[in-house]
Amino acid sequence: MEFKDILKELRLEKGLTQEELAKQLNFSMSVVNKWENGKKNPSVDSLKILAKYFGVTIDYLLGIER
């Protein structure tokens, strides 16, 4: 799986909309949307924030490990 699919799956598991996730992590909704549509990749700092929030590793977010 790719980052965009993993992010969407994790977000949906928490029952969040893109807007709710963006608000909780202080991202713009448009950037979350672009990540999930594969139009933009997150920065290393954003990956750290996402990994901590979802309780996964950056490698997991990037589809390197299961």
N, C-alpha and C. Protein backbone atom coordinates (compact mmCIF):
# COMPACT_ATOMS: atom_id res chain seq x y z
N MET A 1 0.84 -1.19 0.00
CA MET A 1 0.00 0.00 0.00
C MET A 1 0.88 1.25 0.00
N GLU A 2 0.34 2.30 -0.53
CA GLU A 2 1.03 3.57 -0.59
C GLU A 2 0.63 4.45 0.60
N PHE A 3 1.43 5.49 0.82
CA PHE A 3 1.16 6.43 1.92
C PHE A 3 -0.28 6.93 1.88
N LYS A 4 -0.74 7.35 0.71
CA LYS A 4 -2.09 7.93 0.60
C LYS A 4 -3.16 6.97 1.09
N ASP A 5 -3.00 5.68 0.78
CA ASP A 5 -3.99 4.68 1.20
C ASP A 5 -3.89 4.39 2.69
N ILE A 6 -2.66 4.35 3.19
CA ILE A 6 -2.43 4.08 4.62
C ILE A 6 -3.00 5.22 5.46
N LEU A 7 -2.73 6.45 5.05
CA LEU A 7 -3.25 7.60 5.79
C LEU A 7 -4.78 7.58 5.84
N LYS A 8 -5.40 7.33 4.71
CA LYS A 8 -6.86 7.30 4.67
C LYS A 8 -7.40 6.19 5.57
N GLU A 9 -6.78 5.03 5.51
CA GLU A 9 -7.22 3.90 6.34
C GLU A 9 -7.11 4.24 7.83
N LEU A 10 -5.99 4.81 8.23
CA LEU A 10 -5.79 5.18 9.64
C LEU A 10 -6.80 6.24 10.08
N ARG A 11 -7.03 7.21 9.21
CA ARG A 11 -7.99 8.28 9.53
C ARG A 11 -9.39 7.70 9.71
N LEU A 12 -9.79 6.83 8.80
CA LEU A 12 -11.13 6.25 8.88
C LEU A 12 -11.28 5.34 10.09
N GLU A 13 -10.20 4.65 10.47
CA GLU A 13 -10.25 3.81 11.67
C GLU A 13 -10.56 4.63 12.91
N LYS A 14 -10.11 5.89 12.91
CA LYS A 14 -10.39 6.79 14.03
C LYS A 14 -11.74 7.49 13.87
N GLY A 15 -12.40 7.25 12.74
CA GLY A 15 -13.71 7.85 12.51
C GLY A 15 -13.65 9.34 12.25
N LEU A 16 -12.57 9.79 11.63
CA LEU A 16 -12.37 11.22 11.39
C LEU A 16 -12.56 11.59 9.93
N THR A 17 -13.05 12.80 9.72
CA THR A 17 -13.06 13.37 8.37
C THR A 17 -11.68 13.97 8.12
N GLN A 18 -11.41 14.31 6.88
CA GLN A 18 -10.15 14.99 6.58
C GLN A 18 -10.06 16.31 7.36
N GLU A 19 -11.16 17.00 7.43
CA GLU A 19 -11.20 18.29 8.14
C GLU A 19 -10.90 18.11 9.63
N GLU A 20 -11.48 17.08 10.24
CA GLU A 20 -11.24 16.84 11.67
C GLU A 20 -9.78 16.48 11.93
N LEU A 21 -9.22 15.63 11.08
CA LEU A 21 -7.81 15.27 11.24
C LEU A 21 -6.92 16.50 11.09
N ALA A 22 -7.19 17.29 10.08
CA ALA A 22 -6.40 18.50 9.85
C ALA A 22 -6.46 19.43 11.05
N LYS A 23 -7.65 19.62 11.58
CA LYS A 23 -7.83 20.52 12.72
C LYS A 23 -7.08 20.01 13.95
N GLN A 24 -7.16 18.70 14.22
CA GLN A 24 -6.51 18.13 15.40
C GLN A 24 -4.98 18.24 15.33
N LEU A 25 -4.45 18.15 14.11
CA LEU A 25 -2.99 18.16 13.97
C LEU A 25 -2.44 19.49 13.46
N ASN A 26 -3.31 20.47 13.33
CA ASN A 26 -2.91 21.80 12.88
C ASN A 26 -2.33 21.80 11.47
N PHE A 27 -2.94 21.00 10.59
CA PHE A 27 -2.63 21.01 9.16
C PHE A 27 -3.80 21.67 8.46
N SER A 28 -3.60 22.09 7.23
CA SER A 28 -4.75 22.58 6.46
C SER A 28 -5.50 21.38 5.90
N MET A 29 -6.79 21.55 5.71
CA MET A 29 -7.57 20.45 5.14
C MET A 29 -7.11 20.15 3.73
N SER A 30 -6.70 21.17 3.00
CA SER A 30 -6.28 20.96 1.61
C SER A 30 -5.02 20.09 1.53
N VAL A 31 -4.13 20.23 2.49
CA VAL A 31 -2.91 19.41 2.45
C VAL A 31 -3.25 17.95 2.77
N VAL A 32 -4.15 17.72 3.71
CA VAL A 32 -4.57 16.35 4.02
C VAL A 32 -5.24 15.74 2.78
N ASN A 33 -6.07 16.52 2.11
CA ASN A 33 -6.72 16.06 0.90
C ASN A 33 -5.69 15.72 -0.19
N LYS A 34 -4.70 16.56 -0.36
CA LYS A 34 -3.66 16.31 -1.37
C LYS A 34 -2.85 15.06 -1.03
N TRP A 35 -2.57 14.85 0.25
CA TRP A 35 -1.86 13.63 0.66
C TRP A 35 -2.68 12.41 0.30
N GLU A 36 -3.96 12.43 0.63
CA GLU A 36 -4.81 11.26 0.40
C GLU A 36 -5.11 11.03 -1.08
N ASN A 37 -4.97 12.05 -1.89
CA ASN A 37 -5.17 11.90 -3.33
C ASN A 37 -3.85 11.67 -4.07
N GLY A 38 -2.75 11.61 -3.32
CA GLY A 38 -1.46 11.34 -3.93
C GLY A 38 -0.88 12.50 -4.73
N LYS A 39 -1.41 13.70 -4.49
CA LYS A 39 -0.94 14.88 -5.22
C LYS A 39 0.24 15.56 -4.53
N LYS A 40 0.47 15.21 -3.28
CA LYS A 40 1.56 15.82 -2.52
C LYS A 40 2.05 14.82 -1.49
N ASN A 41 3.35 14.88 -1.20
CA ASN A 41 3.92 14.02 -0.16
C ASN A 41 4.21 14.86 1.08
N PRO A 42 4.05 14.27 2.25
CA PRO A 42 4.29 15.02 3.49
C PRO A 42 5.78 15.23 3.73
N SER A 43 6.10 16.27 4.47
CA SER A 43 7.48 16.52 4.88
C SER A 43 7.85 15.54 5.99
N VAL A 44 9.11 15.46 6.29
CA VAL A 44 9.58 14.60 7.37
C VAL A 44 8.92 15.02 8.68
N ASP A 45 8.82 16.31 8.93
CA ASP A 45 8.19 16.79 10.17
C ASP A 45 6.71 16.38 10.22
N SER A 46 6.02 16.45 9.11
CA SER A 46 4.62 16.03 9.07
C SER A 46 4.50 14.54 9.30
N LEU A 47 5.41 13.76 8.73
CA LEU A 47 5.40 12.32 8.96
C LEU A 47 5.58 11.99 10.44
N LYS A 48 6.46 12.72 11.10
CA LYS A 48 6.67 12.51 12.55
C LYS A 48 5.39 12.77 13.33
N ILE A 49 4.71 13.85 12.99
CA ILE A 49 3.46 14.21 13.68
C ILE A 49 2.40 13.13 13.43
N LEU A 50 2.27 12.71 12.19
CA LEU A 50 1.27 11.68 11.84
C LEU A 50 1.58 10.35 12.54
N ALA A 51 2.85 9.95 12.53
CA ALA A 51 3.24 8.68 13.15
C ALA A 51 2.93 8.70 14.65
N LYS A 52 3.26 9.79 15.30
CA LYS A 52 2.99 9.89 16.74
C LYS A 52 1.49 9.88 17.01
N TYR A 53 0.73 10.61 16.22
CA TYR A 53 -0.71 10.69 16.42
C TYR A 53 -1.39 9.32 16.25
N PHE A 54 -0.99 8.59 15.23
CA PHE A 54 -1.63 7.30 14.95
C PHE A 54 -0.97 6.13 15.68
N GLY A 55 0.15 6.38 16.35
CA GLY A 55 0.82 5.33 17.09
C GLY A 55 1.47 4.29 16.19
N VAL A 56 2.01 4.74 15.07
CA VAL A 56 2.69 3.86 14.13
C VAL A 56 4.07 4.44 13.82
N THR A 57 4.87 3.68 13.10
CA THR A 57 6.19 4.18 12.70
C THR A 57 6.09 4.92 11.37
N ILE A 58 7.09 5.71 11.10
CA ILE A 58 7.16 6.38 9.79
C ILE A 58 7.28 5.33 8.69
N ASP A 59 8.05 4.27 8.95
CA ASP A 59 8.15 3.19 7.96
C ASP A 59 6.78 2.60 7.64
N TYR A 60 5.93 2.45 8.65
CA TYR A 60 4.58 1.95 8.42
C TYR A 60 3.80 2.91 7.53
N LEU A 61 3.87 4.21 7.85
CA LEU A 61 3.15 5.21 7.05
C LEU A 61 3.59 5.18 5.60
N LEU A 62 4.87 4.89 5.38
CA LEU A 62 5.41 4.90 4.01
C LEU A 62 5.23 3.56 3.31
N GLY A 63 4.63 2.59 3.99
CA GLY A 63 4.40 1.29 3.39
C GLY A 63 5.60 0.38 3.34
N ILE A 64 6.63 0.70 4.16
CA ILE A 64 7.85 -0.09 4.18
C ILE A 64 7.70 -1.31 5.07
N GLU A 65 6.96 -1.17 6.16
CA GLU A 65 6.74 -2.29 7.07
C GLU A 65 5.26 -2.44 7.34
N ARG A 66 4.87 -3.62 7.73
CA ARG A 66 3.47 -3.91 8.04
C ARG A 66 3.26 -3.99 9.52
